[in-house]
Amino acid sequence: MSAHREDIRNYTAKYFEGKLVDGDLTATIRELRIDSLDLVEFLMALEEKFEIEINPDEIDLDMTLEQFCEVVDGYK
């Protein structure tokens, strides 16, 4: 796993800390009850932190947070 992806995973786990069990990123965005506003705010925070621009059309509520991290890692 790239260092960049590990940074994204850590940031994601910390951001959704209250919704995750032991930092487990295998739950889907929908299962975690992350609503569209939370997701947009998170995408904006990621874009700012990692200086990337994420295409929201590539994000699906049924993807796991691990899959989400893989997609975001592709923007480095």
PDB file of N, CA and C in Angstrom:
ATOM      1  N   MET A   1       0.856  -1.177   0.000  1.00  0.00           N
ATOM      2  CA  MET A   1       0.000   0.000   0.000  1.00  0.00           C
ATOM      3  C   MET A   1       0.899   1.237   0.000  1.00  0.00           C
ATOM      4  N   SER A   2       0.551   2.184  -0.840  1.00  0.00           N
ATOM      5  CA  SER A   2       1.354   3.400  -0.925  1.00  0.00           C
ATOM      6  C   SER A   2       1.203   4.238   0.341  1.00  0.00           C
ATOM      7  N   ALA A   3       2.200   5.057   0.613  1.00  0.00           N
ATOM      8  CA  ALA A   3       2.141   5.947   1.777  1.00  0.00           C
ATOM      9  C   ALA A   3       0.973   6.915   1.630  1.00  0.00           C
ATOM     10  N   HIS A   4       0.713   7.342   0.391  1.00  0.00           N
ATOM     11  CA  HIS A   4      -0.401   8.258   0.131  1.00  0.00           C
ATOM     12  C   HIS A   4      -1.730   7.599   0.504  1.00  0.00           C
ATOM     13  N   ARG A   5      -1.918   6.340   0.093  1.00  0.00           N
ATOM     14  CA  ARG A   5      -3.166   5.647   0.419  1.00  0.00           C
ATOM     15  C   ARG A   5      -3.289   5.460   1.933  1.00  0.00           C
ATOM     16  N   GLU A   6      -2.185   5.169   2.590  1.00  0.00           N
ATOM     17  CA  GLU A   6      -2.208   5.009   4.050  1.00  0.00           C
ATOM     18  C   GLU A   6      -2.619   6.324   4.715  1.00  0.00           C
ATOM     19  N   ASP A   7      -2.132   7.457   4.210  1.00  0.00           N
ATOM     20  CA  ASP A   7      -2.532   8.773   4.732  1.00  0.00           C
ATOM     21  C   ASP A   7      -4.029   8.991   4.539  1.00  0.00           C
ATOM     22  N   ILE A   8      -4.542   8.609   3.376  1.00  0.00           N
ATOM     23  CA  ILE A   8      -5.971   8.760   3.090  1.00  0.00           C
ATOM     24  C   ILE A   8      -6.783   7.869   4.025  1.00  0.00           C
ATOM     25  N   ARG A   9      -6.342   6.624   4.209  1.00  0.00           N
ATOM     26  CA  ARG A   9      -7.040   5.687   5.102  1.00  0.00           C
ATOM     27  C   ARG A   9      -7.083   6.254   6.524  1.00  0.00           C
ATOM     28  N   ASN A  10      -5.942   6.744   7.012  1.00  0.00           N
ATOM     29  CA  ASN A  10      -5.882   7.282   8.370  1.00  0.00           C
ATOM     30  C   ASN A  10      -6.787   8.501   8.524  1.00  0.00           C
ATOM     31  N   TYR A  11      -6.760   9.380   7.519  1.00  0.00           N
ATOM     32  CA  TYR A  11      -7.599  10.585   7.567  1.00  0.00           C
ATOM     33  C   TYR A  11      -9.085  10.203   7.550  1.00  0.00           C
ATOM     34  N   THR A  12      -9.432   9.244   6.704  1.00  0.00           N
ATOM     35  CA  THR A  12     -10.820   8.793   6.603  1.00  0.00           C
ATOM     36  C   THR A  12     -11.282   8.170   7.916  1.00  0.00           C
ATOM     37  N   ALA A  13     -10.467   7.306   8.495  1.00  0.00           N
ATOM     38  CA  ALA A  13     -10.815   6.662   9.760  1.00  0.00           C
ATOM     39  C   ALA A  13     -10.994   7.699  10.869  1.00  0.00           C
ATOM     40  N   LYS A  14     -10.122   8.691  10.893  1.00  0.00           N
ATOM     41  CA  LYS A  14     -10.230   9.731  11.917  1.00  0.00           C
ATOM     42  C   LYS A  14     -11.472  10.602  11.689  1.00  0.00           C
ATOM     43  N   TYR A  15     -11.747  10.953  10.438  1.00  0.00           N
ATOM     44  CA  TYR A  15     -12.889  11.811  10.112  1.00  0.00           C
ATOM     45  C   TYR A  15     -14.209  11.159  10.533  1.00  0.00           C
ATOM     46  N   PHE A  16     -14.326   9.847  10.287  1.00  0.00           N
ATOM     47  CA  PHE A  16     -15.566   9.136  10.599  1.00  0.00           C
ATOM     48  C   PHE A  16     -15.445   8.303  11.874  1.00  0.00           C
ATOM     49  N   GLU A  17     -14.559   8.710  12.749  1.00  0.00           N
ATOM     50  CA  GLU A  17     -14.254   7.986  13.973  1.00  0.00           C
ATOM     51  C   GLU A  17     -15.497   7.558  14.760  1.00  0.00           C
ATOM     52  N   GLY A  18     -16.462   8.425  14.901  1.00  0.00           N
ATOM     53  CA  GLY A  18     -17.663   8.105  15.666  1.00  0.00           C
ATOM     54  C   GLY A  18     -18.574   7.094  14.991  1.00  0.00           C
ATOM     55  N   LYS A  19     -18.384   6.865  13.697  1.00  0.00           N
ATOM     56  CA  LYS A  19     -19.245   5.949  12.952  1.00  0.00           C
ATOM     57  C   LYS A  19     -18.583   4.597  12.714  1.00  0.00           C
ATOM     58  N   LEU A  20     -17.261   4.517  12.858  1.00  0.00           N
ATOM     59  CA  LEU A  20     -16.526   3.291  12.563  1.00  0.00           C
ATOM     60  C   LEU A  20     -16.287   2.481  13.828  1.00  0.00           C
ATOM     61  N   VAL A  21     -16.178   1.175  13.658  1.00  0.00           N
ATOM     62  CA  VAL A  21     -15.819   0.294  14.756  1.00  0.00           C
ATOM     63  C   VAL A  21     -14.343  -0.046  14.586  1.00  0.00           C
ATOM     64  N   ASP A  22     -13.523   0.385  15.536  1.00  0.00           N
ATOM     65  CA  ASP A  22     -12.081   0.107  15.518  1.00  0.00           C
ATOM     66  C   ASP A  22     -11.407   0.518  14.207  1.00  0.00           C
ATOM     67  N   GLY A  23     -11.849   1.606  13.596  1.00  0.00           N
ATOM     68  CA  GLY A  23     -11.222   2.089  12.368  1.00  0.00           C
ATOM     69  C   GLY A  23     -11.409   1.186  11.166  1.00  0.00           C
ATOM     70  N   ASP A  24     -12.387   0.282  11.233  1.00  0.00           N
ATOM     71  CA  ASP A  24     -12.654  -0.676  10.153  1.00  0.00           C
ATOM     72  C   ASP A  24     -13.279   0.052   8.966  1.00  0.00           C
ATOM     73  N   LEU A  25     -12.630  -0.040   7.810  1.00  0.00           N
ATOM     74  CA  LEU A  25     -13.093   0.669   6.619  1.00  0.00           C
ATOM     75  C   LEU A  25     -13.851  -0.235   5.650  1.00  0.00           C
ATOM     76  N   THR A  26     -14.358  -1.382   6.131  1.00  0.00           N
ATOM     77  CA  THR A  26     -15.053  -2.311   5.242  1.00  0.00           C
ATOM     78  C   THR A  26     -16.545  -2.039   5.131  1.00  0.00           C
ATOM     79  N   ALA A  27     -17.069  -1.159   5.953  1.00  0.00           N
ATOM     80  CA  ALA A  27     -18.490  -0.809   5.862  1.00  0.00           C
ATOM     81  C   ALA A  27     -18.705   0.133   4.680  1.00  0.00           C
ATOM     82  N   THR A  28     -19.895   0.057   4.093  1.00  0.00           N
ATOM     83  CA  THR A  28     -20.197   0.970   2.993  1.00  0.00           C
ATOM     84  C   THR A  28     -20.579   2.338   3.545  1.00  0.00           C
ATOM     85  N   ILE A  29     -20.493   3.321   2.686  1.00  0.00           N
ATOM     86  CA  ILE A  29     -20.876   4.681   3.060  1.00  0.00           C
ATOM     87  C   ILE A  29     -22.331   4.687   3.506  1.00  0.00           C
ATOM     88  N   ARG A  30     -23.181   3.960   2.793  1.00  0.00           N
ATOM     89  CA  ARG A  30     -24.609   3.891   3.141  1.00  0.00           C
ATOM     90  C   ARG A  30     -24.818   3.223   4.500  1.00  0.00           C
ATOM     91  N   GLU A  31     -24.104   2.121   4.765  1.00  0.00           N
ATOM     92  CA  GLU A  31     -24.243   1.411   6.041  1.00  0.00           C
ATOM     93  C   GLU A  31     -23.868   2.289   7.228  1.00  0.00           C
ATOM     94  N   LEU A  32     -22.927   3.188   7.013  1.00  0.00           N
ATOM     95  CA  LEU A  32     -22.498   4.080   8.088  1.00  0.00           C
ATOM     96  C   LEU A  32     -23.437   5.266   8.267  1.00  0.00           C
ATOM     97  N   ARG A  33     -24.466   5.310   7.432  1.00  0.00           N
ATOM     98  CA  ARG A  33     -25.451   6.394   7.488  1.00  0.00           C
ATOM     99  C   ARG A  33     -24.801   7.764   7.306  1.00  0.00           C
ATOM    100  N   ILE A  34     -23.846   7.799   6.376  1.00  0.00           N
ATOM    101  CA  ILE A  34     -23.205   9.057   6.013  1.00  0.00           C
ATOM    102  C   ILE A  34     -24.099   9.702   4.964  1.00  0.00           C
ATOM    103  N   ASP A  35     -24.716  10.823   5.325  1.00  0.00           N
ATOM    104  CA  ASP A  35     -25.643  11.451   4.382  1.00  0.00           C
ATOM    105  C   ASP A  35     -24.870  12.258   3.344  1.00  0.00           C
ATOM    106  N   SER A  36     -25.592  12.730   2.352  1.00  0.00           N
ATOM    107  CA  SER A  36     -24.945  13.411   1.228  1.00  0.00           C
ATOM    108  C   SER A  36     -24.215  14.678   1.663  1.00  0.00           C
ATOM    109  N   LEU A  37     -24.750  15.395   2.631  1.00  0.00           N
ATOM    110  CA  LEU A  37     -24.078  16.611   3.111  1.00  0.00           C
ATOM    111  C   LEU A  37     -22.762  16.247   3.797  1.00  0.00           C
ATOM    112  N   ASP A  38     -22.779  15.222   4.664  1.00  0.00           N
ATOM    113  CA  ASP A  38     -21.543  14.766   5.310  1.00  0.00           C
ATOM    114  C   ASP A  38     -20.519  14.340   4.269  1.00  0.00           C
ATOM    115  N   LEU A  39     -20.984  13.646   3.240  1.00  0.00           N
ATOM    116  CA  LEU A  39     -20.086  13.155   2.208  1.00  0.00           C
ATOM    117  C   LEU A  39     -19.462  14.310   1.426  1.00  0.00           C
ATOM    118  N   VAL A  40     -20.259  15.301   1.070  1.00  0.00           N
ATOM    119  CA  VAL A  40     -19.745  16.467   0.349  1.00  0.00           C
ATOM    120  C   VAL A  40     -18.734  17.218   1.211  1.00  0.00           C
ATOM    121  N   GLU A  41     -19.041  17.404   2.487  1.00  0.00           N
ATOM    122  CA  GLU A  41     -18.107  18.084   3.388  1.00  0.00           C
ATOM    123  C   GLU A  41     -16.803  17.302   3.499  1.00  0.00           C
ATOM    124  N   PHE A  42     -16.911  15.983   3.574  1.00  0.00           N
ATOM    125  CA  PHE A  42     -15.726  15.143   3.657  1.00  0.00           C
ATOM    126  C   PHE A  42     -14.894  15.241   2.379  1.00  0.00           C
ATOM    127  N   LEU A  43     -15.557  15.191   1.221  1.00  0.00           N
ATOM    128  CA  LEU A  43     -14.838  15.319  -0.055  1.00  0.00           C
ATOM    129  C   LEU A  43     -14.089  16.654  -0.126  1.00  0.00           C
ATOM    130  N   MET A  44     -14.736  17.700   0.323  1.00  0.00           N
ATOM    131  CA  MET A  44     -14.103  19.024   0.301  1.00  0.00           C
ATOM    132  C   MET A  44     -12.893  19.054   1.246  1.00  0.00           C
ATOM    133  N   ALA A  45     -13.029  18.438   2.410  1.00  0.00           N
ATOM    134  CA  ALA A  45     -11.922  18.391   3.362  1.00  0.00           C
ATOM    135  C   ALA A  45     -10.748  17.592   2.783  1.00  0.00           C
ATOM    136  N   LEU A  46     -11.061  16.478   2.125  1.00  0.00           N
ATOM    137  CA  LEU A  46     -10.015  15.665   1.489  1.00  0.00           C
ATOM    138  C   LEU A  46      -9.316  16.442   0.381  1.00  0.00           C
ATOM    139  N   GLU A  47     -10.093  17.118  -0.433  1.00  0.00           N
ATOM    140  CA  GLU A  47      -9.519  17.900  -1.528  1.00  0.00           C
ATOM    141  C   GLU A  47      -8.556  18.956  -0.993  1.00  0.00           C
ATOM    142  N   GLU A  48      -8.959  19.601   0.078  1.00  0.00           N
ATOM    143  CA  GLU A  48      -8.109  20.637   0.658  1.00  0.00           C
ATOM    144  C   GLU A  48      -6.857  20.032   1.288  1.00  0.00           C
ATOM    145  N   LYS A  49      -7.014  18.985   2.062  1.00  0.00           N
ATOM    146  CA  LYS A  49      -5.882  18.375   2.762  1.00  0.00           C
ATOM    147  C   LYS A  49      -4.853  17.805   1.791  1.00  0.00           C
ATOM    148  N   PHE A  50      -5.312  17.102   0.753  1.00  0.00           N
ATOM    149  CA  PHE A  50      -4.401  16.422  -0.154  1.00  0.00           C
ATOM    150  C   PHE A  50      -4.167  17.168  -1.474  1.00  0.00           C
ATOM    151  N   GLU A  51      -4.765  18.372  -1.579  1.00  0.00           N
ATOM    152  CA  GLU A  51      -4.599  19.220  -2.760  1.00  0.00           C
ATOM    153  C   GLU A  51      -4.919  18.468  -4.050  1.00  0.00           C
ATOM    154  N   ILE A  52      -6.121  17.896  -4.061  1.00  0.00           N
ATOM    155  CA  ILE A  52      -6.614  17.150  -5.215  1.00  0.00           C
ATOM    156  C   ILE A  52      -8.027  17.631  -5.529  1.00  0.00           C
ATOM    157  N   GLU A  53      -8.529  17.242  -6.685  1.00  0.00           N
ATOM    158  CA  GLU A  53      -9.922  17.523  -7.052  1.00  0.00           C
ATOM    159  C   GLU A  53     -10.588  16.191  -7.365  1.00  0.00           C
ATOM    160  N   ILE A  54     -11.622  15.866  -6.596  1.00  0.00           N
ATOM    161  CA  ILE A  54     -12.294  14.571  -6.705  1.00  0.00           C
ATOM    162  C   ILE A  54     -13.566  14.731  -7.531  1.00  0.00           C
ATOM    163  N   ASN A  55     -13.749  13.848  -8.501  1.00  0.00           N
ATOM    164  CA  ASN A  55     -14.967  13.831  -9.296  1.00  0.00           C
ATOM    165  C   ASN A  55     -16.044  13.104  -8.484  1.00  0.00           C
ATOM    166  N   PRO A  56     -17.072  13.816  -8.024  1.00  0.00           N
ATOM    167  CA  PRO A  56     -18.094  13.182  -7.186  1.00  0.00           C
ATOM    168  C   PRO A  56     -18.869  12.077  -7.904  1.00  0.00           C
ATOM    169  N   ASP A  57     -18.833  12.064  -9.232  1.00  0.00           N
ATOM    170  CA  ASP A  57     -19.527  11.022  -9.981  1.00  0.00           C
ATOM    171  C   ASP A  57     -18.870   9.649  -9.780  1.00  0.00           C
ATOM    172  N   GLU A  58     -17.629   9.634  -9.293  1.00  0.00           N
ATOM    173  CA  GLU A  58     -16.931   8.376  -9.057  1.00  0.00           C
ATOM    174  C   GLU A  58     -17.216   7.789  -7.682  1.00  0.00           C
ATOM    175  N   ILE A  59     -17.952   8.538  -6.869  1.00  0.00           N
ATOM    176  CA  ILE A  59     -18.244   8.099  -5.509  1.00  0.00           C
ATOM    177  C   ILE A  59     -19.653   7.518  -5.475  1.00  0.00           C
ATOM    178  N   ASP A  60     -19.746   6.326  -4.901  1.00  0.00           N
ATOM    179  CA  ASP A  60     -21.008   5.595  -4.834  1.00  0.00           C
ATOM    180  C   ASP A  60     -21.297   5.277  -3.373  1.00  0.00           C
ATOM    181  N   LEU A  61     -22.517   5.486  -2.929  1.00  0.00           N
ATOM    182  CA  LEU A  61     -22.874   5.225  -1.539  1.00  0.00           C
ATOM    183  C   LEU A  61     -22.728   3.759  -1.151  1.00  0.00           C
ATOM    184  N   ASP A  62     -22.682   2.874  -2.143  1.00  0.00           N
ATOM    185  CA  ASP A  62     -22.559   1.446  -1.849  1.00  0.00           C
ATOM    186  C   ASP A  62     -21.109   0.962  -1.862  1.00  0.00           C
ATOM    187  N   MET A  63     -20.158   1.873  -2.050  1.00  0.00           N
ATOM    188  CA  MET A  63     -18.756   1.452  -1.976  1.00  0.00           C
ATOM    189  C   MET A  63     -18.314   1.488  -0.518  1.00  0.00           C
ATOM    190  N   THR A  64     -17.367   0.610  -0.195  1.00  0.00           N
ATOM    191  CA  THR A  64     -16.825   0.628   1.165  1.00  0.00           C
ATOM    192  C   THR A  64     -15.888   1.816   1.302  1.00  0.00           C
ATOM    193  N   LEU A  65     -15.591   2.177   2.530  1.00  0.00           N
ATOM    194  CA  LEU A  65     -14.644   3.267   2.722  1.00  0.00           C
ATOM    195  C   LEU A  65     -13.258   2.871   2.202  1.00  0.00           C
ATOM    196  N   GLU A  66     -12.932   1.589   2.247  1.00  0.00           N
ATOM    197  CA  GLU A  66     -11.659   1.127   1.679  1.00  0.00           C
ATOM    198  C   GLU A  66     -11.649   1.366   0.164  1.00  0.00           C
ATOM    199  N   GLN A  67     -12.746   1.030  -0.522  1.00  0.00           N
ATOM    200  CA  GLN A  67     -12.840   1.276  -1.965  1.00  0.00           C
ATOM    201  C   GLN A  67     -12.770   2.775  -2.246  1.00  0.00           C
ATOM    202  N   PHE A  68     -13.416   3.548  -1.405  1.00  0.00           N
ATOM    203  CA  PHE A  68     -13.387   4.999  -1.528  1.00  0.00           C
ATOM    204  C   PHE A  68     -11.939   5.503  -1.463  1.00  0.00           C
ATOM    205  N   CYS A  69     -11.174   4.963  -0.506  1.00  0.00           N
ATOM    206  CA  CYS A  69      -9.765   5.366  -0.358  1.00  0.00           C
ATOM    207  C   CYS A  69      -8.961   5.019  -1.596  1.00  0.00           C
ATOM    208  N   GLU A  70      -9.263   3.888  -2.224  1.00  0.00           N
ATOM    209  CA  GLU A  70      -8.582   3.487  -3.456  1.00  0.00           C
ATOM    210  C   GLU A  70      -8.862   4.484  -4.573  1.00  0.00           C
ATOM    211  N   VAL A  71     -10.123   4.907  -4.695  1.00  0.00           N
ATOM    212  CA  VAL A  71     -10.488   5.885  -5.725  1.00  0.00           C
ATOM    213  C   VAL A  71      -9.747   7.192  -5.489  1.00  0.00           C
ATOM    214  N   VAL A  72      -9.760   7.670  -4.255  1.00  0.00           N
ATOM    215  CA  VAL A  72      -9.112   8.937  -3.937  1.00  0.00           C
ATOM    216  C   VAL A  72      -7.609   8.836  -4.153  1.00  0.00           C
ATOM    217  N   ASP A  73      -7.023   7.689  -3.862  1.00  0.00           N
ATOM    218  CA  ASP A  73      -5.589   7.493  -4.045  1.00  0.00           C
ATOM    219  C   ASP A  73      -5.208   7.672  -5.523  1.00  0.00           C
ATOM    220  N   GLY A  74      -6.124   7.392  -6.421  1.00  0.00           N
ATOM    221  CA  GLY A  74      -5.874   7.557  -7.843  1.00  0.00           C
ATOM    222  C   GLY A  74      -5.725   9.010  -8.276  1.00  0.00           C
ATOM    223  N   TYR A  75      -6.085   9.938  -7.427  1.00  0.00           N
ATOM    224  CA  TYR A  75      -6.000  11.370  -7.752  1.00  0.00           C
ATOM    225  C   TYR A  75      -4.679  12.002  -7.376  1.00  0.00           C
ATOM    226  N   LYS A  76      -3.764  11.246  -6.803  1.00  0.00           N
ATOM    227  CA  LYS A  76      -2.509  11.842  -6.327  1.00  0.00           C
ATOM    228  C   LYS A  76      -1.679  12.426  -7.436  1.00  0.00           C
TER     229      LYS A  76
END
